[in-house]
All heavy atoms as atom14 arrays in JSON, in Angstrom:
{
  "sequence": "GEASLIGHREHTLRPANAQHMHYECELAVVIGRTARHVKRADAYDFV",
  "atom14_mask": [
    [1, 1, 1, 1, 0, 0, 0, 0, 0, 0, 0, 0, 0, 0],
    [1, 1, 1, 1, 1, 1, 1, 1, 1, 0, 0, 0, 0, 0],
    [1, 1, 1, 1, 1, 0, 0, 0, 0, 0, 0, 0, 0, 0],
    [1, 1, 1, 1, 1, 1, 0, 0, 0, 0, 0, 0, 0, 0],
    [1, 1, 1, 1, 1, 1, 1, 1, 0, 0, 0, 0, 0, 0],
    [1, 1, 1, 1, 1, 1, 1, 1, 0, 0, 0, 0, 0, 0],
    [1, 1, 1, 1, 0, 0, 0, 0, 0, 0, 0, 0, 0, 0],
    [1, 1, 1, 1, 1, 1, 1, 1, 1, 1, 0, 0, 0, 0],
    [1, 1, 1, 1, 1, 1, 1, 1, 1, 1, 1, 0, 0, 0],
    [1, 1, 1, 1, 1, 1, 1, 1, 1, 0, 0, 0, 0, 0],
    [1, 1, 1, 1, 1, 1, 1, 1, 1, 1, 0, 0, 0, 0],
    [1, 1, 1, 1, 1, 1, 1, 0, 0, 0, 0, 0, 0, 0],
    [1, 1, 1, 1, 1, 1, 1, 1, 0, 0, 0, 0, 0, 0],
    [1, 1, 1, 1, 1, 1, 1, 1, 1, 1, 1, 0, 0, 0],
    [1, 1, 1, 1, 1, 1, 1, 0, 0, 0, 0, 0, 0, 0],
    [1, 1, 1, 1, 1, 0, 0, 0, 0, 0, 0, 0, 0, 0],
    [1, 1, 1, 1, 1, 1, 1, 1, 0, 0, 0, 0, 0, 0],
    [1, 1, 1, 1, 1, 0, 0, 0, 0, 0, 0, 0, 0, 0],
    [1, 1, 1, 1, 1, 1, 1, 1, 1, 0, 0, 0, 0, 0],
    [1, 1, 1, 1, 1, 1, 1, 1, 1, 1, 0, 0, 0, 0],
    [1, 1, 1, 1, 1, 1, 1, 1, 0, 0, 0, 0, 0, 0],
    [1, 1, 1, 1, 1, 1, 1, 1, 1, 1, 0, 0, 0, 0],
    [1, 1, 1, 1, 1, 1, 1, 1, 1, 1, 1, 1, 0, 0],
    [1, 1, 1, 1, 1, 1, 1, 1, 1, 0, 0, 0, 0, 0],
    [1, 1, 1, 1, 1, 1, 0, 0, 0, 0, 0, 0, 0, 0],
    [1, 1, 1, 1, 1, 1, 1, 1, 1, 0, 0, 0, 0, 0],
    [1, 1, 1, 1, 1, 1, 1, 1, 0, 0, 0, 0, 0, 0],
    [1, 1, 1, 1, 1, 0, 0, 0, 0, 0, 0, 0, 0, 0],
    [1, 1, 1, 1, 1, 1, 1, 0, 0, 0, 0, 0, 0, 0],
    [1, 1, 1, 1, 1, 1, 1, 0, 0, 0, 0, 0, 0, 0],
    [1, 1, 1, 1, 1, 1, 1, 1, 0, 0, 0, 0, 0, 0],
    [1, 1, 1, 1, 0, 0, 0, 0, 0, 0, 0, 0, 0, 0],
    [1, 1, 1, 1, 1, 1, 1, 1, 1, 1, 1, 0, 0, 0],
    [1, 1, 1, 1, 1, 1, 1, 0, 0, 0, 0, 0, 0, 0],
    [1, 1, 1, 1, 1, 0, 0, 0, 0, 0, 0, 0, 0, 0],
    [1, 1, 1, 1, 1, 1, 1, 1, 1, 1, 1, 0, 0, 0],
    [1, 1, 1, 1, 1, 1, 1, 1, 1, 1, 0, 0, 0, 0],
    [1, 1, 1, 1, 1, 1, 1, 0, 0, 0, 0, 0, 0, 0],
    [1, 1, 1, 1, 1, 1, 1, 1, 1, 0, 0, 0, 0, 0],
    [1, 1, 1, 1, 1, 1, 1, 1, 1, 1, 1, 0, 0, 0],
    [1, 1, 1, 1, 1, 0, 0, 0, 0, 0, 0, 0, 0, 0],
    [1, 1, 1, 1, 1, 1, 1, 1, 0, 0, 0, 0, 0, 0],
    [1, 1, 1, 1, 1, 0, 0, 0, 0, 0, 0, 0, 0, 0],
    [1, 1, 1, 1, 1, 1, 1, 1, 1, 1, 1, 1, 0, 0],
    [1, 1, 1, 1, 1, 1, 1, 1, 0, 0, 0, 0, 0, 0],
    [1, 1, 1, 1, 1, 1, 1, 1, 1, 1, 1, 0, 0, 0],
    [1, 1, 1, 1, 1, 1, 1, 0, 0, 0, 0, 0, 0, 0]
  ],
  "atom14_positions": [
    [[0.56, 67.64, -33.21], [1.45, 66.95, -34.12], [2.84, 66.8, -33.51], [3.28, 67.6, -32.69], [0.0, 0.0, 0.0], [0.0, 0.0, 0.0], [0.0, 0.0, 0.0], [0.0, 0.0, 0.0], [0.0, 0.0, 0.0], [0.0, 0.0, 0.0], [0.0, 0.0, 0.0], [0.0, 0.0, 0.0], [0.0, 0.0, 0.0], [0.0, 0.0, 0.0]],
    [[3.56, 65.76, -33.94], [4.87, 65.47, -33.38], [5.9, 66.53, -33.74], [6.91, 66.69, -33.03], [5.35, 64.09, -33.84], [6.53, 63.57, -33.08], [6.76, 62.09, -33.25], [6.02, 61.45, -34.02], [7.67, 61.55, -32.6], [0.0, 0.0, 0.0], [0.0, 0.0, 0.0], [0.0, 0.0, 0.0], [0.0, 0.0, 0.0], [0.0, 0.0, 0.0]],
    [[5.67, 67.29, -34.8], [6.62, 68.35, -35.17], [6.7, 69.46, -34.13], [7.63, 70.26, -34.15], [6.24, 68.94, -36.53], [0.0, 0.0, 0.0], [0.0, 0.0, 0.0], [0.0, 0.0, 0.0], [0.0, 0.0, 0.0], [0.0, 0.0, 0.0], [0.0, 0.0, 0.0], [0.0, 0.0, 0.0], [0.0, 0.0, 0.0], [0.0, 0.0, 0.0]],
    [[5.73, 69.51, -33.22], [5.78, 70.53, -32.17], [6.8, 70.19, -31.08], [7.18, 71.05, -30.29], [4.4, 70.72, -31.54], [4.02, 69.57, -30.79], [0.0, 0.0, 0.0], [0.0, 0.0, 0.0], [0.0, 0.0, 0.0], [0.0, 0.0, 0.0], [0.0, 0.0, 0.0], [0.0, 0.0, 0.0], [0.0, 0.0, 0.0], [0.0, 0.0, 0.0]],
    [[7.27, 68.93, -31.03], [8.13, 68.47, -29.95], [9.58, 68.87, -30.18], [10.11, 68.73, -31.28], [8.05, 66.95, -29.81], [6.69, 66.33, -29.52], [6.82, 64.82, -29.42], [6.07, 66.92, -28.25], [0.0, 0.0, 0.0], [0.0, 0.0, 0.0], [0.0, 0.0, 0.0], [0.0, 0.0, 0.0], [0.0, 0.0, 0.0], [0.0, 0.0, 0.0]],
    [[10.23, 69.36, -29.13], [11.67, 69.59, -29.12], [12.21, 69.1, -27.78], [11.44, 68.77, -26.87], [12.04, 71.07, -29.34], [11.4, 71.96, -28.27], [11.66, 71.53, -30.73], [11.87, 73.4, -28.32], [0.0, 0.0, 0.0], [0.0, 0.0, 0.0], [0.0, 0.0, 0.0], [0.0, 0.0, 0.0], [0.0, 0.0, 0.0], [0.0, 0.0, 0.0]],
    [[13.53, 69.06, -27.65], [14.14, 68.51, -26.46], [14.57, 69.55, -25.45], [14.39, 70.77, -25.62], [0.0, 0.0, 0.0], [0.0, 0.0, 0.0], [0.0, 0.0, 0.0], [0.0, 0.0, 0.0], [0.0, 0.0, 0.0], [0.0, 0.0, 0.0], [0.0, 0.0, 0.0], [0.0, 0.0, 0.0], [0.0, 0.0, 0.0], [0.0, 0.0, 0.0]],
    [[15.17, 69.05, -24.39], [15.74, 69.84, -23.3], [16.81, 70.79, -23.83], [17.6, 70.45, -24.7], [16.36, 68.84, -22.31], [17.11, 69.41, -21.16], [16.55, 70.28, -20.25], [18.4, 69.19, -20.77], [17.46, 70.56, -19.32], [18.59, 69.94, -19.61], [0.0, 0.0, 0.0], [0.0, 0.0, 0.0], [0.0, 0.0, 0.0], [0.0, 0.0, 0.0]],
    [[16.78, 72.03, -23.34], [17.75, 73.07, -23.65], [17.66, 73.56, -25.1], [18.58, 74.21, -25.6], [19.19, 72.63, -23.33], [19.39, 72.29, -21.85], [20.85, 72.3, -21.45], [21.43, 73.64, -21.59], [21.29, 74.62, -20.7], [20.58, 74.43, -19.6], [21.85, 75.79, -20.91], [0.0, 0.0, 0.0], [0.0, 0.0, 0.0], [0.0, 0.0, 0.0]],
    [[16.54, 73.29, -25.76], [16.33, 73.78, -27.11], [15.58, 75.12, -27.07], [15.13, 75.57, -26.01], [15.55, 72.75, -27.93], [16.34, 71.48, -28.22], [17.51, 71.72, -29.15], [17.3, 72.24, -30.27], [18.66, 71.41, -28.76], [0.0, 0.0, 0.0], [0.0, 0.0, 0.0], [0.0, 0.0, 0.0], [0.0, 0.0, 0.0], [0.0, 0.0, 0.0]],
    [[15.44, 75.74, -28.25], [14.8, 77.05, -28.36], [13.39, 76.93, -28.94], [13.17, 76.21, -29.92], [15.63, 77.97, -29.26], [16.92, 78.42, -28.63], [18.03, 77.6, -28.58], [17.26, 79.58, -28.01], [19.01, 78.25, -27.96], [18.57, 79.44, -27.61], [0.0, 0.0, 0.0], [0.0, 0.0, 0.0], [0.0, 0.0, 0.0], [0.0, 0.0, 0.0]],
    [[12.47, 77.64, -28.33], [11.1, 77.76, -28.83], [10.94, 79.11, -29.5], [11.37, 80.14, -28.97], [10.09, 77.61, -27.68], [10.05, 76.24, -27.27], [8.7, 78.05, -28.09], [0.0, 0.0, 0.0], [0.0, 0.0, 0.0], [0.0, 0.0, 0.0], [0.0, 0.0, 0.0], [0.0, 0.0, 0.0], [0.0, 0.0, 0.0], [0.0, 0.0, 0.0]],
    [[10.33, 79.11, -30.68], [10.15, 80.34, -31.45], [8.87, 81.05, -31.04], [7.79, 80.44, -31.02], [10.13, 80.03, -32.94], [11.39, 79.37, -33.51], [11.22, 79.1, -35.0], [12.61, 80.23, -33.25], [0.0, 0.0, 0.0], [0.0, 0.0, 0.0], [0.0, 0.0, 0.0], [0.0, 0.0, 0.0], [0.0, 0.0, 0.0], [0.0, 0.0, 0.0]],
    [[9.01, 82.32, -30.72], [7.86, 83.17, -30.39], [7.56, 84.04, -31.62], [8.45, 84.76, -32.11], [8.17, 84.05, -29.19], [7.05, 85.05, -28.87], [7.41, 85.88, -27.65], [6.47, 86.98, -27.48], [5.82, 87.25, -26.35], [6.0, 86.49, -25.28], [5.0, 88.27, -26.27], [0.0, 0.0, 0.0], [0.0, 0.0, 0.0], [0.0, 0.0, 0.0]],
    [[6.32, 84.0, -32.14], [5.99, 84.82, -33.31], [6.27, 86.3, -33.06], [6.07, 86.8, -31.95], [4.5, 84.56, -33.51], [4.24, 83.24, -32.87], [5.18, 83.18, -31.7], [0.0, 0.0, 0.0], [0.0, 0.0, 0.0], [0.0, 0.0, 0.0], [0.0, 0.0, 0.0], [0.0, 0.0, 0.0], [0.0, 0.0, 0.0], [0.0, 0.0, 0.0]],
    [[6.73, 86.97, -34.08], [7.13, 88.38, -33.94], [5.99, 89.26, -33.47], [6.21, 90.26, -32.78], [7.7, 88.89, -35.26], [0.0, 0.0, 0.0], [0.0, 0.0, 0.0], [0.0, 0.0, 0.0], [0.0, 0.0, 0.0], [0.0, 0.0, 0.0], [0.0, 0.0, 0.0], [0.0, 0.0, 0.0], [0.0, 0.0, 0.0], [0.0, 0.0, 0.0]],
    [[4.76, 88.89, -33.83], [3.62, 89.74, -33.48], [2.9, 89.29, -32.22], [1.87, 89.85, -31.85], [2.63, 89.8, -34.64], [2.02, 88.42, -34.95], [2.54, 87.4, -34.5], [0.94, 88.41, -35.71], [0.0, 0.0, 0.0], [0.0, 0.0, 0.0], [0.0, 0.0, 0.0], [0.0, 0.0, 0.0], [0.0, 0.0, 0.0], [0.0, 0.0, 0.0]],
    [[3.42, 88.29, -31.52], [2.73, 87.77, -30.34], [2.85, 88.73, -29.17], [3.93, 89.25, -28.87], [3.29, 86.41, -29.95], [0.0, 0.0, 0.0], [0.0, 0.0, 0.0], [0.0, 0.0, 0.0], [0.0, 0.0, 0.0], [0.0, 0.0, 0.0], [0.0, 0.0, 0.0], [0.0, 0.0, 0.0], [0.0, 0.0, 0.0], [0.0, 0.0, 0.0]],
    [[1.73, 88.96, -28.48], [1.7, 89.82, -27.31], [1.65, 89.03, -26.01], [2.01, 89.55, -24.96], [0.48, 90.76, -27.38], [0.5, 91.69, -28.58], [1.69, 92.62, -28.56], [1.96, 93.28, -27.56], [2.42, 92.68, -29.66], [0.0, 0.0, 0.0], [0.0, 0.0, 0.0], [0.0, 0.0, 0.0], [0.0, 0.0, 0.0], [0.0, 0.0, 0.0]],
    [[1.21, 87.77, -26.07], [1.09, 86.96, -24.85], [1.3, 85.49, -25.21], [0.43, 84.84, -25.79], [-0.28, 87.14, -24.19], [-0.34, 86.58, -22.8], [-1.3, 86.94, -21.9], [0.46, 85.71, -22.15], [-1.12, 86.3, -20.76], [-0.05, 85.55, -20.89], [0.0, 0.0, 0.0], [0.0, 0.0, 0.0], [0.0, 0.0, 0.0], [0.0, 0.0, 0.0]],
    [[2.48, 84.99, -24.86], [2.83, 83.58, -25.06], [3.27, 83.03, -23.71], [4.2, 83.55, -23.09], [3.96, 83.47, -26.09], [4.5, 82.07, -26.28], [5.72, 82.04, -27.61], [6.36, 80.37, -27.42], [0.0, 0.0, 0.0], [0.0, 0.0, 0.0], [0.0, 0.0, 0.0], [0.0, 0.0, 0.0], [0.0, 0.0, 0.0], [0.0, 0.0, 0.0]],
    [[2.61, 82.0, -23.23], [2.93, 81.47, -21.92], [3.2, 79.98, -21.94], [2.73, 79.25, -22.81], [1.83, 81.8, -20.9], [0.5, 81.18, -21.19], [0.24, 79.85, -20.96], [-0.66, 81.72, -21.67], [-1.02, 79.59, -21.28], [-1.59, 80.71, -21.71], [0.0, 0.0, 0.0], [0.0, 0.0, 0.0], [0.0, 0.0, 0.0], [0.0, 0.0, 0.0]],
    [[3.99, 79.53, -20.98], [4.32, 78.12, -20.77], [3.12, 77.41, -20.16], [2.19, 78.03, -19.64], [5.51, 78.01, -19.8], [5.25, 78.74, -18.52], [4.45, 78.19, -17.52], [5.72, 80.04, -18.32], [4.15, 78.88, -16.37], [5.43, 80.74, -17.17], [4.63, 80.17, -16.2], [4.31, 80.87, -15.07], [0.0, 0.0, 0.0], [0.0, 0.0, 0.0]],
    [[3.2, 76.08, -20.14], [2.29, 75.26, -19.35], [3.07, 74.02, -18.9], [3.33, 73.13, -19.71], [1.04, 74.87, -20.15], [0.14, 76.05, -20.47], [-1.18, 75.65, -21.11], [-1.44, 74.43, -21.23], [-1.95, 76.56, -21.48], [0.0, 0.0, 0.0], [0.0, 0.0, 0.0], [0.0, 0.0, 0.0], [0.0, 0.0, 0.0], [0.0, 0.0, 0.0]],
    [[3.45, 73.98, -17.64], [4.16, 72.83, -17.08], [3.18, 71.67, -16.92], [2.17, 71.81, -16.22], [4.77, 73.21, -15.74], [5.68, 71.86, -14.93], [0.0, 0.0, 0.0], [0.0, 0.0, 0.0], [0.0, 0.0, 0.0], [0.0, 0.0, 0.0], [0.0, 0.0, 0.0], [0.0, 0.0, 0.0], [0.0, 0.0, 0.0], [0.0, 0.0, 0.0]],
    [[3.5, 70.53, -17.55], [2.54, 69.43, -17.57], [3.24, 68.08, -17.36], [4.32, 67.83, -17.91], [1.79, 69.39, -18.9], [1.16, 70.72, -19.27], [0.04, 70.59, -20.28], [-0.42, 69.45, -20.53], [-0.38, 71.63, -20.82], [0.0, 0.0, 0.0], [0.0, 0.0, 0.0], [0.0, 0.0, 0.0], [0.0, 0.0, 0.0], [0.0, 0.0, 0.0]],
    [[2.59, 67.21, -16.61], [2.99, 65.82, -16.53], [2.59, 65.14, -17.84], [1.43, 65.21, -18.26], [2.28, 65.13, -15.37], [2.49, 63.61, -15.25], [3.93, 63.3, -14.86], [1.51, 63.02, -14.24], [0.0, 0.0, 0.0], [0.0, 0.0, 0.0], [0.0, 0.0, 0.0], [0.0, 0.0, 0.0], [0.0, 0.0, 0.0], [0.0, 0.0, 0.0]],
    [[3.55, 64.49, -18.49], [3.28, 63.78, -19.74], [3.38, 62.28, -19.49], [4.36, 61.79, -18.92], [4.26, 64.2, -20.82], [0.0, 0.0, 0.0], [0.0, 0.0, 0.0], [0.0, 0.0, 0.0], [0.0, 0.0, 0.0], [0.0, 0.0, 0.0], [0.0, 0.0, 0.0], [0.0, 0.0, 0.0], [0.0, 0.0, 0.0], [0.0, 0.0, 0.0]],
    [[2.36, 61.56, -19.92], [2.27, 60.12, -19.75], [2.62, 59.45, -21.08], [2.06, 59.81, -22.13], [0.84, 59.7, -19.34], [0.75, 58.2, -19.1], [0.39, 60.49, -18.12], [0.0, 0.0, 0.0], [0.0, 0.0, 0.0], [0.0, 0.0, 0.0], [0.0, 0.0, 0.0], [0.0, 0.0, 0.0], [0.0, 0.0, 0.0], [0.0, 0.0, 0.0]],
    [[3.54, 58.5, -21.05], [3.93, 57.76, -22.26], [3.32, 56.37, -22.18], [3.59, 55.61, -21.25], [5.46, 57.68, -22.41], [5.83, 56.97, -23.71], [6.08, 59.08, -22.37], [0.0, 0.0, 0.0], [0.0, 0.0, 0.0], [0.0, 0.0, 0.0], [0.0, 0.0, 0.0], [0.0, 0.0, 0.0], [0.0, 0.0, 0.0], [0.0, 0.0, 0.0]],
    [[2.51, 56.04, -23.17], [1.85, 54.73, -23.22], [2.87, 53.65, -23.57], [3.71, 53.84, -24.47], [0.69, 54.74, -24.23], [-0.36, 55.77, -23.8], [0.07, 53.35, -24.37], [-1.0, 55.49, -22.47], [0.0, 0.0, 0.0], [0.0, 0.0, 0.0], [0.0, 0.0, 0.0], [0.0, 0.0, 0.0], [0.0, 0.0, 0.0], [0.0, 0.0, 0.0]],
    [[2.79, 52.51, -22.88], [3.78, 51.46, -23.08], [3.33, 50.27, -23.89], [4.15, 49.55, -24.46], [0.0, 0.0, 0.0], [0.0, 0.0, 0.0], [0.0, 0.0, 0.0], [0.0, 0.0, 0.0], [0.0, 0.0, 0.0], [0.0, 0.0, 0.0], [0.0, 0.0, 0.0], [0.0, 0.0, 0.0], [0.0, 0.0, 0.0], [0.0, 0.0, 0.0]],
    [[2.02, 50.03, -23.95], [1.52, 48.91, -24.76], [0.11, 49.23, -25.24], [-0.55, 50.13, -24.72], [1.55, 47.59, -24.0], [0.75, 47.51, -22.71], [1.12, 46.24, -21.95], [0.4, 46.08, -20.71], [-0.7, 45.33, -20.56], [-1.21, 44.66, -21.6], [-1.28, 45.21, -19.37], [0.0, 0.0, 0.0], [0.0, 0.0, 0.0], [0.0, 0.0, 0.0]],
    [[-0.32, 48.51, -26.25], [-1.6, 48.79, -26.88], [-2.73, 48.74, -25.85], [-2.84, 47.78, -25.08], [-1.87, 47.77, -28.01], [-0.8, 47.83, -28.96], [-3.19, 48.09, -28.71], [0.0, 0.0, 0.0], [0.0, 0.0, 0.0], [0.0, 0.0, 0.0], [0.0, 0.0, 0.0], [0.0, 0.0, 0.0], [0.0, 0.0, 0.0], [0.0, 0.0, 0.0]],
    [[-3.53, 49.79, -25.86], [-4.59, 49.93, -24.86], [-5.93, 50.15, -25.55], [-6.09, 51.08, -26.33], [-4.28, 51.1, -23.93], [0.0, 0.0, 0.0], [0.0, 0.0, 0.0], [0.0, 0.0, 0.0], [0.0, 0.0, 0.0], [0.0, 0.0, 0.0], [0.0, 0.0, 0.0], [0.0, 0.0, 0.0], [0.0, 0.0, 0.0], [0.0, 0.0, 0.0]],
    [[-6.88, 49.31, -25.25], [-8.24, 49.44, -25.79], [-9.2, 48.95, -24.72], [-9.04, 47.85, -24.18], [-8.38, 48.6, -27.07], [-9.71, 48.86, -27.81], [-9.66, 50.16, -28.6], [-10.8, 50.27, -29.51], [-11.86, 51.04, -29.28], [-11.94, 51.74, -28.16], [-12.83, 51.11, -30.16], [0.0, 0.0, 0.0], [0.0, 0.0, 0.0], [0.0, 0.0, 0.0]],
    [[-10.19, 49.77, -24.39], [-11.18, 49.44, -23.37], [-10.51, 49.09, -22.04], [-10.85, 48.09, -21.41], [-12.09, 48.3, -23.84], [-12.89, 48.62, -25.06], [-13.79, 49.67, -25.12], [-12.89, 48.04, -26.29], [-14.33, 49.71, -26.33], [-13.81, 48.74, -27.06], [0.0, 0.0, 0.0], [0.0, 0.0, 0.0], [0.0, 0.0, 0.0], [0.0, 0.0, 0.0]],
    [[-9.57, 49.91, -21.63], [-8.86, 49.68, -20.37], [-9.72, 50.16, -19.2], [-10.29, 51.24, -19.24], [-7.51, 50.44, -20.39], [-6.81, 50.33, -19.03], [-6.61, 49.9, -21.49], [0.0, 0.0, 0.0], [0.0, 0.0, 0.0], [0.0, 0.0, 0.0], [0.0, 0.0, 0.0], [0.0, 0.0, 0.0], [0.0, 0.0, 0.0], [0.0, 0.0, 0.0]],
    [[-9.76, 49.35, -18.17], [-10.46, 49.75, -16.94], [-9.53, 50.6, -16.1], [-8.31, 50.4, -16.07], [-10.91, 48.52, -16.16], [-11.9, 47.64, -16.92], [-13.16, 48.41, -17.29], [-14.15, 47.49, -18.01], [-15.35, 48.26, -18.48], [0.0, 0.0, 0.0], [0.0, 0.0, 0.0], [0.0, 0.0, 0.0], [0.0, 0.0, 0.0], [0.0, 0.0, 0.0]],
    [[-10.14, 51.54, -15.38], [-9.35, 52.46, -14.57], [-8.4, 51.74, -13.62], [-7.25, 52.14, -13.45], [-10.3, 53.38, -13.81], [-9.62, 54.38, -12.91], [-10.61, 55.39, -12.35], [-9.94, 56.35, -11.49], [-10.42, 57.54, -11.19], [-11.59, 57.91, -11.68], [-9.77, 58.35, -10.39], [0.0, 0.0, 0.0], [0.0, 0.0, 0.0], [0.0, 0.0, 0.0]],
    [[-8.85, 50.66, -13.02], [-8.04, 49.93, -12.06], [-6.8, 49.32, -12.69], [-5.82, 49.02, -11.99], [-8.87, 48.84, -11.39], [0.0, 0.0, 0.0], [0.0, 0.0, 0.0], [0.0, 0.0, 0.0], [0.0, 0.0, 0.0], [0.0, 0.0, 0.0], [0.0, 0.0, 0.0], [0.0, 0.0, 0.0], [0.0, 0.0, 0.0], [0.0, 0.0, 0.0]],
    [[-6.82, 49.13, -14.0], [-5.7, 48.51, -14.7], [-4.86, 49.51, -15.48], [-3.9, 49.13, -16.15], [-6.22, 47.45, -15.68], [-7.03, 46.36, -15.0], [-6.67, 45.97, -13.87], [-8.03, 45.92, -15.59], [0.0, 0.0, 0.0], [0.0, 0.0, 0.0], [0.0, 0.0, 0.0], [0.0, 0.0, 0.0], [0.0, 0.0, 0.0], [0.0, 0.0, 0.0]],
    [[-5.19, 50.78, -15.41], [-4.61, 51.77, -16.31], [-3.1, 51.88, -16.2], [-2.39, 52.01, -17.2], [-5.26, 53.14, -16.06], [0.0, 0.0, 0.0], [0.0, 0.0, 0.0], [0.0, 0.0, 0.0], [0.0, 0.0, 0.0], [0.0, 0.0, 0.0], [0.0, 0.0, 0.0], [0.0, 0.0, 0.0], [0.0, 0.0, 0.0], [0.0, 0.0, 0.0]],
    [[-2.58, 51.82, -14.97], [-1.13, 52.0, -14.81], [-0.32, 50.89, -15.48], [0.86, 51.08, -15.78], [-0.77, 52.09, -13.33], [-1.13, 53.4, -12.68], [-1.55, 53.44, -11.35], [-1.03, 54.61, -13.36], [-1.87, 54.64, -10.73], [-1.35, 55.81, -12.76], [-1.77, 55.82, -11.44], [-2.08, 57.02, -10.85], [0.0, 0.0, 0.0], [0.0, 0.0, 0.0]],
    [[-0.95, 49.73, -15.72], [-0.25, 48.63, -16.39], [0.11, 48.98, -17.84], [0.92, 48.29, -18.45], [-1.11, 47.36, -16.38], [-1.36, 46.82, -14.99], [-0.57, 47.16, -14.08], [-2.33, 46.07, -14.81], [0.0, 0.0, 0.0], [0.0, 0.0, 0.0], [0.0, 0.0, 0.0], [0.0, 0.0, 0.0], [0.0, 0.0, 0.0], [0.0, 0.0, 0.0]],
    [[-0.51, 50.03, -18.37], [-0.3, 50.4, -19.77], [0.62, 51.61, -19.93], [0.78, 52.11, -21.04], [-1.66, 50.67, -20.43], [-2.52, 49.44, -20.55], [-3.27, 48.99, -19.47], [-2.55, 48.72, -21.73], [-4.05, 47.84, -19.58], [-3.32, 47.57, -21.84], [-4.07, 47.13, -20.76], [0.0, 0.0, 0.0], [0.0, 0.0, 0.0], [0.0, 0.0, 0.0]],
    [[1.24, 52.04, -18.84], [2.12, 53.2, -18.88], [3.57, 52.75, -18.94], [4.01, 51.94, -18.11], [1.9, 54.1, -17.65], [2.88, 55.28, -17.67], [0.47, 54.61, -17.6], [0.0, 0.0, 0.0], [0.0, 0.0, 0.0], [0.0, 0.0, 0.0], [0.0, 0.0, 0.0], [0.0, 0.0, 0.0], [0.0, 0.0, 0.0], [0.0, 0.0, 0.0]]
  ]
}
């Protein structure tokens, strides 16, 4: 859900009872136009 998103230099809340909470550095792709039945060779045109 979009409510999970926060910005740069913001704070993430760790539950008080959590024993193991870890990051995951990930490349995020933002879609630029409506995509349906896109072929792999054309995929970058939709980013």
